[in-house]
Amino acid sequence: MVHGHVIFAELQSLAEGVGNQARVAELLDVDKSSVTRWLKKEDLPGPENEERITAIRYVMVRLSRLFKRETAMDWLLGVNAHLGNKRPIDLIKKGRATEVLAAIDQAEAGSYA
């Protein structure tokens, strides 16, 4: 398990990156109240959610190099041809963030071609 202060910082960064706690809850498939408790340090996310928080935050950092926030969110939540017409967020939730990062690499390569 990631140390509490590290996951707290990542969660704060993710909330800022996606816009608000409600979006974080949506991305993680948890109640907004859970995110609120985590941010107030009243509770810690379980190991599965820690992994998701870390992965989504990193994906959003990568996407922010290519897109504005709303476009990055659309990319994350939309169907992606490079991912077999799956949604990137769904793959992240299944522990398949490396596939999502490869699709971002392809998007980056396309934008610099």
PDB file of N, CA and C in Angstrom:
ATOM      1  N   MET A   1       0.847  -1.189   0.000  1.00  0.00           N
ATOM      2  CA  MET A   1       0.000   0.000   0.000  1.00  0.00           C
ATOM      3  C   MET A   1       0.889   1.248   0.000  1.00  0.00           C
ATOM      4  N   VAL A   2       0.517   2.227  -0.779  1.00  0.00           N
ATOM      5  CA  VAL A   2       1.257   3.484  -0.839  1.00  0.00           C
ATOM      6  C   VAL A   2       1.065   4.203   0.490  1.00  0.00           C
ATOM      7  N   HIS A   3       2.101   4.881   0.954  1.00  0.00           N
ATOM      8  CA  HIS A   3       1.976   5.638   2.195  1.00  0.00           C
ATOM      9  C   HIS A   3       0.875   6.685   2.060  1.00  0.00           C
ATOM     10  N   GLY A   4       0.166   6.916   3.164  1.00  0.00           N
ATOM     11  CA  GLY A   4      -0.984   7.812   3.164  1.00  0.00           C
ATOM     12  C   GLY A   4      -0.707   9.186   2.591  1.00  0.00           C
ATOM     13  N   HIS A   5       0.421   9.795   2.953  1.00  0.00           N
ATOM     14  CA  HIS A   5       0.693  11.151   2.470  1.00  0.00           C
ATOM     15  C   HIS A   5       0.962  11.173   0.969  1.00  0.00           C
ATOM     16  N   VAL A   6       1.521  10.098   0.432  1.00  0.00           N
ATOM     17  CA  VAL A   6       1.796  10.037  -1.007  1.00  0.00           C
ATOM     18  C   VAL A   6       0.491   9.924  -1.782  1.00  0.00           C
ATOM     19  N   ILE A   7      -0.387   9.016  -1.351  1.00  0.00           N
ATOM     20  CA  ILE A   7      -1.653   8.840  -2.062  1.00  0.00           C
ATOM     21  C   ILE A   7      -2.519  10.089  -1.901  1.00  0.00           C
ATOM     22  N   PHE A   8      -2.428  10.753  -0.760  1.00  0.00           N
ATOM     23  CA  PHE A   8      -3.167  12.003  -0.550  1.00  0.00           C
ATOM     24  C   PHE A   8      -2.727  13.039  -1.578  1.00  0.00           C
ATOM     25  N   ALA A   9      -1.419  13.180  -1.772  1.00  0.00           N
ATOM     26  CA  ALA A   9      -0.901  14.146  -2.747  1.00  0.00           C
ATOM     27  C   ALA A   9      -1.340  13.783  -4.163  1.00  0.00           C
ATOM     28  N   GLU A  10      -1.305  12.486  -4.480  1.00  0.00           N
ATOM     29  CA  GLU A  10      -1.731  12.057  -5.808  1.00  0.00           C
ATOM     30  C   GLU A  10      -3.219  12.312  -6.014  1.00  0.00           C
ATOM     31  N   LEU A  11      -4.015  12.070  -4.983  1.00  0.00           N
ATOM     32  CA  LEU A  11      -5.454  12.307  -5.060  1.00  0.00           C
ATOM     33  C   LEU A  11      -5.752  13.794  -5.234  1.00  0.00           C
ATOM     34  N   GLN A  12      -5.055  14.634  -4.491  1.00  0.00           N
ATOM     35  CA  GLN A  12      -5.222  16.082  -4.647  1.00  0.00           C
ATOM     36  C   GLN A  12      -4.868  16.507  -6.072  1.00  0.00           C
ATOM     37  N   SER A  13      -3.758  16.013  -6.579  1.00  0.00           N
ATOM     38  CA  SER A  13      -3.313  16.333  -7.926  1.00  0.00           C
ATOM     39  C   SER A  13      -4.334  15.869  -8.958  1.00  0.00           C
ATOM     40  N   LEU A  14      -4.879  14.674  -8.760  1.00  0.00           N
ATOM     41  CA  LEU A  14      -5.886  14.154  -9.679  1.00  0.00           C
ATOM     42  C   LEU A  14      -7.135  15.027  -9.661  1.00  0.00           C
ATOM     43  N   ALA A  15      -7.599  15.407  -8.473  1.00  0.00           N
ATOM     44  CA  ALA A  15      -8.791  16.258  -8.367  1.00  0.00           C
ATOM     45  C   ALA A  15      -8.572  17.588  -9.085  1.00  0.00           C
ATOM     46  N   GLU A  16      -7.394  18.164  -8.928  1.00  0.00           N
ATOM     47  CA  GLU A  16      -7.079  19.416  -9.629  1.00  0.00           C
ATOM     48  C   GLU A  16      -7.005  19.183 -11.127  1.00  0.00           C
ATOM     49  N   GLY A  17      -6.431  18.053 -11.527  1.00  0.00           N
ATOM     50  CA  GLY A  17      -6.254  17.756 -12.943  1.00  0.00           C
ATOM     51  C   GLY A  17      -7.545  17.509 -13.690  1.00  0.00           C
ATOM     52  N   VAL A  18      -8.514  16.880 -13.026  1.00  0.00           N
ATOM     53  CA  VAL A  18      -9.781  16.581 -13.704  1.00  0.00           C
ATOM     54  C   VAL A  18     -10.858  17.594 -13.393  1.00  0.00           C
ATOM     55  N   GLY A  19     -10.616  18.466 -12.439  1.00  0.00           N
ATOM     56  CA  GLY A  19     -11.539  19.558 -12.193  1.00  0.00           C
ATOM     57  C   GLY A  19     -12.236  19.556 -10.854  1.00  0.00           C
ATOM     58  N   ASN A  20     -12.583  18.374 -10.319  1.00  0.00           N
ATOM     59  CA  ASN A  20     -13.267  18.358  -9.027  1.00  0.00           C
ATOM     60  C   ASN A  20     -13.380  16.935  -8.478  1.00  0.00           C
ATOM     61  N   GLN A  21     -13.852  16.858  -7.232  1.00  0.00           N
ATOM     62  CA  GLN A  21     -13.972  15.568  -6.553  1.00  0.00           C
ATOM     63  C   GLN A  21     -15.031  14.680  -7.189  1.00  0.00           C
ATOM     64  N   ALA A  22     -16.095  15.271  -7.707  1.00  0.00           N
ATOM     65  CA  ALA A  22     -17.160  14.475  -8.327  1.00  0.00           C
ATOM     66  C   ALA A  22     -16.616  13.720  -9.536  1.00  0.00           C
ATOM     67  N   ARG A  23     -15.763  14.365 -10.312  1.00  0.00           N
ATOM     68  CA  ARG A  23     -15.162  13.689 -11.459  1.00  0.00           C
ATOM     69  C   ARG A  23     -14.227  12.569 -11.018  1.00  0.00           C
ATOM     70  N   VAL A  24     -13.487  12.804  -9.952  1.00  0.00           N
ATOM     71  CA  VAL A  24     -12.606  11.754  -9.418  1.00  0.00           C
ATOM     72  C   VAL A  24     -13.458  10.550  -9.026  1.00  0.00           C
ATOM     73  N   ALA A  25     -14.552  10.799  -8.325  1.00  0.00           N
ATOM     74  CA  ALA A  25     -15.441   9.711  -7.907  1.00  0.00           C
ATOM     75  C   ALA A  25     -15.977   8.957  -9.121  1.00  0.00           C
ATOM     76  N   GLU A  26     -16.362   9.696 -10.158  1.00  0.00           N
ATOM     77  CA  GLU A  26     -16.864   9.073 -11.388  1.00  0.00           C
ATOM     78  C   GLU A  26     -15.784   8.197 -12.022  1.00  0.00           C
ATOM     79  N   LEU A  27     -14.569   8.698 -12.104  1.00  0.00           N
ATOM     80  CA  LEU A  27     -13.481   7.957 -12.725  1.00  0.00           C
ATOM     81  C   LEU A  27     -13.126   6.691 -11.949  1.00  0.00           C
ATOM     82  N   LEU A  28     -13.264   6.753 -10.636  1.00  0.00           N
ATOM     83  CA  LEU A  28     -12.911   5.615  -9.790  1.00  0.00           C
ATOM     84  C   LEU A  28     -14.088   4.686  -9.522  1.00  0.00           C
ATOM     85  N   ASP A  29     -15.287   5.098  -9.928  1.00  0.00           N
ATOM     86  CA  ASP A  29     -16.503   4.335  -9.624  1.00  0.00           C
ATOM     87  C   ASP A  29     -16.715   4.193  -8.122  1.00  0.00           C
ATOM     88  N   VAL A  30     -16.574   5.303  -7.411  1.00  0.00           N
ATOM     89  CA  VAL A  30     -16.824   5.322  -5.970  1.00  0.00           C
ATOM     90  C   VAL A  30     -17.758   6.479  -5.654  1.00  0.00           C
ATOM     91  N   ASP A  31     -18.316   6.475  -4.454  1.00  0.00           N
ATOM     92  CA  ASP A  31     -19.153   7.592  -4.013  1.00  0.00           C
ATOM     93  C   ASP A  31     -18.286   8.830  -3.807  1.00  0.00           C
ATOM     94  N   LYS A  32     -18.872   9.977  -4.091  1.00  0.00           N
ATOM     95  CA  LYS A  32     -18.153  11.236  -3.873  1.00  0.00           C
ATOM     96  C   LYS A  32     -17.750  11.364  -2.401  1.00  0.00           C
ATOM     97  N   SER A  33     -18.576  10.822  -1.511  1.00  0.00           N
ATOM     98  CA  SER A  33     -18.264  10.903  -0.079  1.00  0.00           C
ATOM     99  C   SER A  33     -16.958  10.164   0.247  1.00  0.00           C
ATOM    100  N   SER A  34     -16.665   9.105  -0.492  1.00  0.00           N
ATOM    101  CA  SER A  34     -15.394   8.393  -0.270  1.00  0.00           C
ATOM    102  C   SER A  34     -14.222   9.291  -0.615  1.00  0.00           C
ATOM    103  N   VAL A  35     -14.314   9.969  -1.756  1.00  0.00           N
ATOM    104  CA  VAL A  35     -13.241  10.880  -2.170  1.00  0.00           C
ATOM    105  C   VAL A  35     -13.084  11.993  -1.148  1.00  0.00           C
ATOM    106  N   THR A  36     -14.202  12.514  -0.660  1.00  0.00           N
ATOM    107  CA  THR A  36     -14.162  13.575   0.352  1.00  0.00           C
ATOM    108  C   THR A  36     -13.443  13.088   1.612  1.00  0.00           C
ATOM    109  N   ARG A  37     -13.775  11.876   2.071  1.00  0.00           N
ATOM    110  CA  ARG A  37     -13.111  11.328   3.272  1.00  0.00           C
ATOM    111  C   ARG A  37     -11.618  11.146   3.037  1.00  0.00           C
ATOM    112  N   TRP A  38     -11.258  10.677   1.844  1.00  0.00           N
ATOM    113  CA  TRP A  38      -9.839  10.486   1.534  1.00  0.00           C
ATOM    114  C   TRP A  38      -9.103  11.818   1.552  1.00  0.00           C
ATOM    115  N   LEU A  39      -9.723  12.832   0.961  1.00  0.00           N
ATOM    116  CA  LEU A  39      -9.070  14.142   0.899  1.00  0.00           C
ATOM    117  C   LEU A  39      -9.010  14.814   2.268  1.00  0.00           C
ATOM    118  N   LYS A  40      -9.936  14.493   3.143  1.00  0.00           N
ATOM    119  CA  LYS A  40      -9.908  15.023   4.511  1.00  0.00           C
ATOM    120  C   LYS A  40      -9.022  14.176   5.418  1.00  0.00           C
ATOM    121  N   LYS A  41      -8.426  13.130   4.837  1.00  0.00           N
ATOM    122  CA  LYS A  41      -7.559  12.196   5.561  1.00  0.00           C
ATOM    123  C   LYS A  41      -8.308  11.475   6.683  1.00  0.00           C
ATOM    124  N   GLU A  42      -9.627  11.293   6.495  1.00  0.00           N
ATOM    125  CA  GLU A  42     -10.424  10.552   7.459  1.00  0.00           C
ATOM    126  C   GLU A  42     -10.378   9.054   7.173  1.00  0.00           C
ATOM    127  N   ASP A  43      -9.935   8.707   5.980  1.00  0.00           N
ATOM    128  CA  ASP A  43      -9.892   7.318   5.544  1.00  0.00           C
ATOM    129  C   ASP A  43      -8.878   7.233   4.411  1.00  0.00           C
ATOM    130  N   LEU A  44      -8.426   6.021   4.121  1.00  0.00           N
ATOM    131  CA  LEU A  44      -7.523   5.815   2.992  1.00  0.00           C
ATOM    132  C   LEU A  44      -8.214   4.930   1.965  1.00  0.00           C
ATOM    133  N   PRO A  45      -7.942   5.186   0.680  1.00  0.00           N
ATOM    134  CA  PRO A  45      -8.483   4.282  -0.323  1.00  0.00           C
ATOM    135  C   PRO A  45      -7.819   2.919  -0.209  1.00  0.00           C
ATOM    136  N   GLY A  46      -8.519   1.879  -0.582  1.00  0.00           N
ATOM    137  CA  GLY A  46      -7.939   0.540  -0.571  1.00  0.00           C
ATOM    138  C   GLY A  46      -6.885   0.415  -1.656  1.00  0.00           C
ATOM    139  N   PRO A  47      -6.139  -0.681  -1.648  1.00  0.00           N
ATOM    140  CA  PRO A  47      -5.046  -0.878  -2.608  1.00  0.00           C
ATOM    141  C   PRO A  47      -5.488  -0.754  -4.076  1.00  0.00           C
ATOM    142  N   GLU A  48      -6.667  -1.289  -4.407  1.00  0.00           N
ATOM    143  CA  GLU A  48      -7.143  -1.223  -5.793  1.00  0.00           C
ATOM    144  C   GLU A  48      -7.375   0.231  -6.211  1.00  0.00           C
ATOM    145  N   ASN A  49      -7.991   1.017  -5.332  1.00  0.00           N
ATOM    146  CA  ASN A  49      -8.226   2.420  -5.658  1.00  0.00           C
ATOM    147  C   ASN A  49      -6.935   3.224  -5.649  1.00  0.00           C
ATOM    148  N   GLU A  50      -5.975   2.852  -4.792  1.00  0.00           N
ATOM    149  CA  GLU A  50      -4.676   3.527  -4.820  1.00  0.00           C
ATOM    150  C   GLU A  50      -4.034   3.351  -6.190  1.00  0.00           C
ATOM    151  N   GLU A  51      -4.081   2.126  -6.719  1.00  0.00           N
ATOM    152  CA  GLU A  51      -3.507   1.878  -8.041  1.00  0.00           C
ATOM    153  C   GLU A  51      -4.226   2.681  -9.110  1.00  0.00           C
ATOM    154  N   ARG A  52      -5.543   2.736  -9.015  1.00  0.00           N
ATOM    155  CA  ARG A  52      -6.324   3.497 -10.001  1.00  0.00           C
ATOM    156  C   ARG A  52      -6.006   4.987  -9.925  1.00  0.00           C
ATOM    157  N   ILE A  53      -5.911   5.511  -8.715  1.00  0.00           N
ATOM    158  CA  ILE A  53      -5.602   6.938  -8.537  1.00  0.00           C
ATOM    159  C   ILE A  53      -4.255   7.251  -9.181  1.00  0.00           C
ATOM    160  N   THR A  54      -3.265   6.433  -8.882  1.00  0.00           N
ATOM    161  CA  THR A  54      -1.926   6.651  -9.437  1.00  0.00           C
ATOM    162  C   THR A  54      -1.944   6.573 -10.954  1.00  0.00           C
ATOM    163  N   ALA A  55      -2.615   5.556 -11.490  1.00  0.00           N
ATOM    164  CA  ALA A  55      -2.658   5.370 -12.938  1.00  0.00           C
ATOM    165  C   ALA A  55      -3.417   6.497 -13.632  1.00  0.00           C
ATOM    166  N   ILE A  56      -4.573   6.857 -13.112  1.00  0.00           N
ATOM    167  CA  ILE A  56      -5.374   7.917 -13.753  1.00  0.00           C
ATOM    168  C   ILE A  56      -4.637   9.244 -13.680  1.00  0.00           C
ATOM    169  N   ARG A  57      -4.014   9.522 -12.530  1.00  0.00           N
ATOM    170  CA  ARG A  57      -3.271  10.788 -12.410  1.00  0.00           C
ATOM    171  C   ARG A  57      -2.157  10.832 -13.447  1.00  0.00           C
ATOM    172  N   TYR A  58      -1.416   9.750 -13.606  1.00  0.00           N
ATOM    173  CA  TYR A  58      -0.323   9.730 -14.572  1.00  0.00           C
ATOM    174  C   TYR A  58      -0.847   9.871 -16.000  1.00  0.00           C
ATOM    175  N   VAL A  59      -1.926   9.163 -16.305  1.00  0.00           N
ATOM    176  CA  VAL A  59      -2.531   9.280 -17.638  1.00  0.00           C
ATOM    177  C   VAL A  59      -2.967  10.719 -17.895  1.00  0.00           C
ATOM    178  N   MET A  60      -3.566  11.364 -16.908  1.00  0.00           N
ATOM    179  CA  MET A  60      -4.011  12.750 -17.093  1.00  0.00           C
ATOM    180  C   MET A  60      -2.822  13.695 -17.273  1.00  0.00           C
ATOM    181  N   VAL A  61      -1.722  13.438 -16.572  1.00  0.00           N
ATOM    182  CA  VAL A  61      -0.519  14.257 -16.776  1.00  0.00           C
ATOM    183  C   VAL A  61      -0.049  14.115 -18.219  1.00  0.00           C
ATOM    184  N   ARG A  62      -0.001  12.885 -18.699  1.00  0.00           N
ATOM    185  CA  ARG A  62       0.414  12.647 -20.090  1.00  0.00           C
ATOM    186  C   ARG A  62      -0.546  13.314 -21.075  1.00  0.00           C
ATOM    187  N   LEU A  63      -1.846  13.183 -20.828  1.00  0.00           N
ATOM    188  CA  LEU A  63      -2.831  13.775 -21.735  1.00  0.00           C
ATOM    189  C   LEU A  63      -2.775  15.300 -21.720  1.00  0.00           C
ATOM    190  N   SER A  64      -2.405  15.873 -20.569  1.00  0.00           N
ATOM    191  CA  SER A  64      -2.355  17.339 -20.464  1.00  0.00           C
ATOM    192  C   SER A  64      -1.274  17.934 -21.366  1.00  0.00           C
ATOM    193  N   ARG A  65      -0.318  17.107 -21.788  1.00  0.00           N
ATOM    194  CA  ARG A  65       0.706  17.576 -22.729  1.00  0.00           C
ATOM    195  C   ARG A  65       0.142  17.713 -24.142  1.00  0.00           C
ATOM    196  N   LEU A  66      -0.951  17.000 -24.398  1.00  0.00           N
ATOM    197  CA  LEU A  66      -1.549  16.990 -25.735  1.00  0.00           C
ATOM    198  C   LEU A  66      -2.824  17.814 -25.839  1.00  0.00           C
ATOM    199  N   PHE A  67      -3.600  17.813 -24.765  1.00  0.00           N
ATOM    200  CA  PHE A  67      -4.946  18.375 -24.830  1.00  0.00           C
ATOM    201  C   PHE A  67      -5.240  19.284 -23.650  1.00  0.00           C
ATOM    202  N   LYS A  68      -6.260  20.126 -23.822  1.00  0.00           N
ATOM    203  CA  LYS A  68      -6.818  20.873 -22.696  1.00  0.00           C
ATOM    204  C   LYS A  68      -7.615  19.886 -21.848  1.00  0.00           C
ATOM    205  N   ARG A  69      -7.954  20.299 -20.614  1.00  0.00           N
ATOM    206  CA  ARG A  69      -8.597  19.407 -19.648  1.00  0.00           C
ATOM    207  C   ARG A  69      -9.846  18.714 -20.203  1.00  0.00           C
ATOM    208  N   GLU A  70     -10.760  19.464 -20.791  1.00  0.00           N
ATOM    209  CA  GLU A  70     -12.015  18.859 -21.264  1.00  0.00           C
ATOM    210  C   GLU A  70     -11.765  17.849 -22.376  1.00  0.00           C
ATOM    211  N   THR A  71     -10.834  18.155 -23.263  1.00  0.00           N
ATOM    212  CA  THR A  71     -10.510  17.228 -24.349  1.00  0.00           C
ATOM    213  C   THR A  71      -9.839  15.977 -23.786  1.00  0.00           C
ATOM    214  N   ALA A  72      -8.984  16.162 -22.782  1.00  0.00           N
ATOM    215  CA  ALA A  72      -8.337  15.017 -22.131  1.00  0.00           C
ATOM    216  C   ALA A  72      -9.386  14.123 -21.467  1.00  0.00           C
ATOM    217  N   MET A  73     -10.374  14.729 -20.814  1.00  0.00           N
ATOM    218  CA  MET A  73     -11.454  13.950 -20.194  1.00  0.00           C
ATOM    219  C   MET A  73     -12.255  13.211 -21.256  1.00  0.00           C
ATOM    220  N   ASP A  74     -12.550  13.890 -22.353  1.00  0.00           N
ATOM    221  CA  ASP A  74     -13.278  13.236 -23.452  1.00  0.00           C
ATOM    222  C   ASP A  74     -12.492  12.037 -23.970  1.00  0.00           C
ATOM    223  N   TRP A  75     -11.179  12.200 -24.108  1.00  0.00           N
ATOM    224  CA  TRP A  75     -10.319  11.107 -24.582  1.00  0.00           C
ATOM    225  C   TRP A  75     -10.364   9.940 -23.598  1.00  0.00           C
ATOM    226  N   LEU A  76     -10.257  10.251 -22.316  1.00  0.00           N
ATOM    227  CA  LEU A  76     -10.238   9.225 -21.274  1.00  0.00           C
ATOM    228  C   LEU A  76     -11.557   8.452 -21.211  1.00  0.00           C
ATOM    229  N   LEU A  77     -12.667   9.142 -21.417  1.00  0.00           N
ATOM    230  CA  LEU A  77     -13.988   8.536 -21.280  1.00  0.00           C
ATOM    231  C   LEU A  77     -14.569   8.037 -22.597  1.00  0.00           C
ATOM    232  N   GLY A  78     -13.938   8.402 -23.712  1.00  0.00           N
ATOM    233  CA  GLY A  78     -14.467   8.037 -25.017  1.00  0.00           C
ATOM    234  C   GLY A  78     -13.929   6.710 -25.522  1.00  0.00           C
ATOM    235  N   VAL A  79     -14.601   6.179 -26.528  1.00  0.00           N
ATOM    236  CA  VAL A  79     -14.160   4.942 -27.173  1.00  0.00           C
ATOM    237  C   VAL A  79     -12.922   5.263 -28.010  1.00  0.00           C
ATOM    238  N   ASN A  80     -11.923   4.388 -27.940  1.00  0.00           N
ATOM    239  CA  ASN A  80     -10.653   4.648 -28.618  1.00  0.00           C
ATOM    240  C   ASN A  80     -10.327   3.504 -29.579  1.00  0.00           C
ATOM    241  N   ALA A  81     -10.147   3.839 -30.841  1.00  0.00           N
ATOM    242  CA  ALA A  81      -9.852   2.825 -31.865  1.00  0.00           C
ATOM    243  C   ALA A  81      -8.536   2.110 -31.587  1.00  0.00           C
ATOM    244  N   HIS A  82      -7.545   2.816 -31.037  1.00  0.00           N
ATOM    245  CA  HIS A  82      -6.254   2.198 -30.724  1.00  0.00           C
ATOM    246  C   HIS A  82      -6.368   1.179 -29.596  1.00  0.00           C
ATOM    247  N   LEU A  83      -7.468   1.205 -28.897  1.00  0.00           N
ATOM    248  CA  LEU A  83      -7.679   0.294 -27.766  1.00  0.00           C
ATOM    249  C   LEU A  83      -8.799  -0.707 -28.072  1.00  0.00           C
ATOM    250  N   GLY A  84      -8.965  -1.031 -29.333  1.00  0.00           N
ATOM    251  CA  GLY A  84      -9.996  -1.997 -29.708  1.00  0.00           C
ATOM    252  C   GLY A  84     -11.400  -1.492 -29.427  1.00  0.00           C
ATOM    253  N   ASN A  85     -11.594  -0.184 -29.612  1.00  0.00           N
ATOM    254  CA  ASN A  85     -12.887   0.472 -29.379  1.00  0.00           C
ATOM    255  C   ASN A  85     -13.363   0.327 -27.934  1.00  0.00           C
ATOM    256  N   LYS A  86     -12.407   0.327 -27.021  1.00  0.00           N
ATOM    257  CA  LYS A  86     -12.712   0.339 -25.590  1.00  0.00           C
ATOM    258  C   LYS A  86     -12.431   1.740 -25.055  1.00  0.00           C
ATOM    259  N   ARG A  87     -12.999   2.019 -23.893  1.00  0.00           N
ATOM    260  CA  ARG A  87     -12.754   3.312 -23.248  1.00  0.00           C
ATOM    261  C   ARG A  87     -11.484   3.206 -22.410  1.00  0.00           C
ATOM    262  N   PRO A  88     -10.572   4.173 -22.530  1.00  0.00           N
ATOM    263  CA  PRO A  88      -9.345   4.143 -21.734  1.00  0.00           C
ATOM    264  C   PRO A  88      -9.615   3.986 -20.234  1.00  0.00           C
ATOM    265  N   ILE A  89     -10.614   4.688 -19.709  1.00  0.00           N
ATOM    266  CA  ILE A  89     -10.881   4.606 -18.271  1.00  0.00           C
ATOM    267  C   ILE A  89     -11.240   3.183 -17.858  1.00  0.00           C
ATOM    268  N   ASP A  90     -11.955   2.455 -18.725  1.00  0.00           N
ATOM    269  CA  ASP A  90     -12.336   1.084 -18.390  1.00  0.00           C
ATOM    270  C   ASP A  90     -11.115   0.170 -18.326  1.00  0.00           C
ATOM    271  N   LEU A  91     -10.156   0.383 -19.216  1.00  0.00           N
ATOM    272  CA  LEU A  91      -8.927  -0.410 -19.181  1.00  0.00           C
ATOM    273  C   LEU A  91      -8.117  -0.105 -17.926  1.00  0.00           C
ATOM    274  N   ILE A  92      -8.055   1.173 -17.561  1.00  0.00           N
ATOM    275  CA  ILE A  92      -7.324   1.552 -16.336  1.00  0.00           C
ATOM    276  C   ILE A  92      -7.945   0.853 -15.133  1.00  0.00           C
ATOM    277  N   LYS A  93      -9.268   0.834 -15.068  1.00  0.00           N
ATOM    278  CA  LYS A  93      -9.958   0.192 -13.943  1.00  0.00           C
ATOM    279  C   LYS A  93      -9.667  -1.299 -13.878  1.00  0.00           C
ATOM    280  N   LYS A  94      -9.300  -1.893 -15.012  1.00  0.00           N
ATOM    281  CA  LYS A  94      -8.984  -3.324 -15.056  1.00  0.00           C
ATOM    282  C   LYS A  94      -7.483  -3.579 -14.896  1.00  0.00           C
ATOM    283  N   GLY A  95      -6.727  -2.527 -14.546  1.00  0.00           N
ATOM    284  CA  GLY A  95      -5.293  -2.689 -14.335  1.00  0.00           C
ATOM    285  C   GLY A  95      -4.493  -2.728 -15.621  1.00  0.00           C
ATOM    286  N   ARG A  96      -5.053  -2.187 -16.699  1.00  0.00           N
ATOM    287  CA  ARG A  96      -4.399  -2.244 -18.005  1.00  0.00           C
ATOM    288  C   ARG A  96      -3.952  -0.854 -18.472  1.00  0.00           C
ATOM    289  N   ALA A  97      -3.378  -0.095 -17.554  1.00  0.00           N
ATOM    290  CA  ALA A  97      -2.941   1.274 -17.862  1.00  0.00           C
ATOM    291  C   ALA A  97      -1.842   1.302 -18.919  1.00  0.00           C
ATOM    292  N   THR A  98      -1.016   0.264 -18.994  1.00  0.00           N
ATOM    293  CA  THR A  98       0.068   0.274 -19.988  1.00  0.00           C
ATOM    294  C   THR A  98      -0.489   0.347 -21.408  1.00  0.00           C
ATOM    295  N   GLU A  99      -1.634  -0.277 -21.642  1.00  0.00           N
ATOM    296  CA  GLU A  99      -2.260  -0.191 -22.963  1.00  0.00           C
ATOM    297  C   GLU A  99      -2.725   1.235 -23.249  1.00  0.00           C
ATOM    298  N   VAL A 100      -3.245   1.885 -22.228  1.00  0.00           N
ATOM    299  CA  VAL A 100      -3.703   3.270 -22.372  1.00  0.00           C
ATOM    300  C   VAL A 100      -2.502   4.181 -22.648  1.00  0.00           C
ATOM    301  N   LEU A 101      -1.407   3.947 -21.953  1.00  0.00           N
ATOM    302  CA  LEU A 101      -0.202   4.754 -22.172  1.00  0.00           C
ATOM    303  C   LEU A 101       0.338   4.544 -23.586  1.00  0.00           C
ATOM    304  N   ALA A 102       0.235   3.330 -24.105  1.00  0.00           N
ATOM    305  CA  ALA A 102       0.666   3.068 -25.485  1.00  0.00           C
ATOM    306  C   ALA A 102      -0.212   3.840 -26.471  1.00  0.00           C
ATOM    307  N   ALA A 103      -1.502   3.925 -26.186  1.00  0.00           N
ATOM    308  CA  ALA A 103      -2.403   4.697 -27.056  1.00  0.00           C
ATOM    309  C   ALA A 103      -2.069   6.193 -26.993  1.00  0.00           C
ATOM    310  N   ILE A 104      -1.668   6.670 -25.819  1.00  0.00           N
ATOM    311  CA  ILE A 104      -1.245   8.073 -25.702  1.00  0.00           C
ATOM    312  C   ILE A 104       0.029   8.283 -26.512  1.00  0.00           C
ATOM    313  N   ASP A 105       0.954   7.325 -26.437  1.00  0.00           N
ATOM    314  CA  ASP A 105       2.174   7.407 -27.249  1.00  0.00           C
ATOM    315  C   ASP A 105       1.817   7.538 -28.727  1.00  0.00           C
ATOM    316  N   GLN A 106       0.843   6.759 -29.175  1.00  0.00           N
ATOM    317  CA  GLN A 106       0.411   6.829 -30.576  1.00  0.00           C
ATOM    318  C   GLN A 106      -0.202   8.191 -30.886  1.00  0.00           C
ATOM    319  N   ALA A 107      -0.984   8.724 -29.957  1.00  0.00           N
ATOM    320  CA  ALA A 107      -1.576  10.046 -30.157  1.00  0.00           C
ATOM    321  C   ALA A 107      -0.487  11.108 -30.233  1.00  0.00           C
ATOM    322  N   GLU A 108       0.511  10.985 -29.354  1.00  0.00           N
ATOM    323  CA  GLU A 108       1.635  11.934 -29.372  1.00  0.00           C
ATOM    324  C   GLU A 108       2.389  11.840 -30.687  1.00  0.00           C
ATOM    325  N   ALA A 109       2.665  10.638 -31.126  1.00  0.00           N
ATOM    326  CA  ALA A 109       3.398  10.438 -32.388  1.00  0.00           C
ATOM    327  C   ALA A 109       2.629  11.050 -33.535  1.00  0.00           C
ATOM    328  N   GLY A 110       1.320  10.881 -33.525  1.00  0.00           N
ATOM    329  CA  GLY A 110       0.477  11.452 -34.580  1.00  0.00           C
ATOM    330  C   GLY A 110       0.476  12.966 -34.556  1.00  0.00           C
ATOM    331  N   SER A 111       0.544  13.541 -33.356  1.00  0.00           N
ATOM    332  CA  SER A 111       0.503  14.999 -33.276  1.00  0.00           C
ATOM    333  C   SER A 111       1.835  15.615 -33.672  1.00  0.00           C
ATOM    334  N   TYR A 112       2.916  14.808 -33.658  1.00  0.00           N
ATOM    335  CA  TYR A 112       4.223  15.333 -34.035  1.00  0.00           C
ATOM    336  C   TYR A 112       4.648  14.875 -35.420  1.00  0.00           C
ATOM    337  N   ALA A 113       3.784  14.102 -36.083  1.00  0.00           N
ATOM    338  CA  ALA A 113       4.151  13.581 -37.405  1.00  0.00           C
ATOM    339  C   ALA A 113       4.110  14.668 -38.465  1.00  0.00           C
TER     340      ALA A 113
END
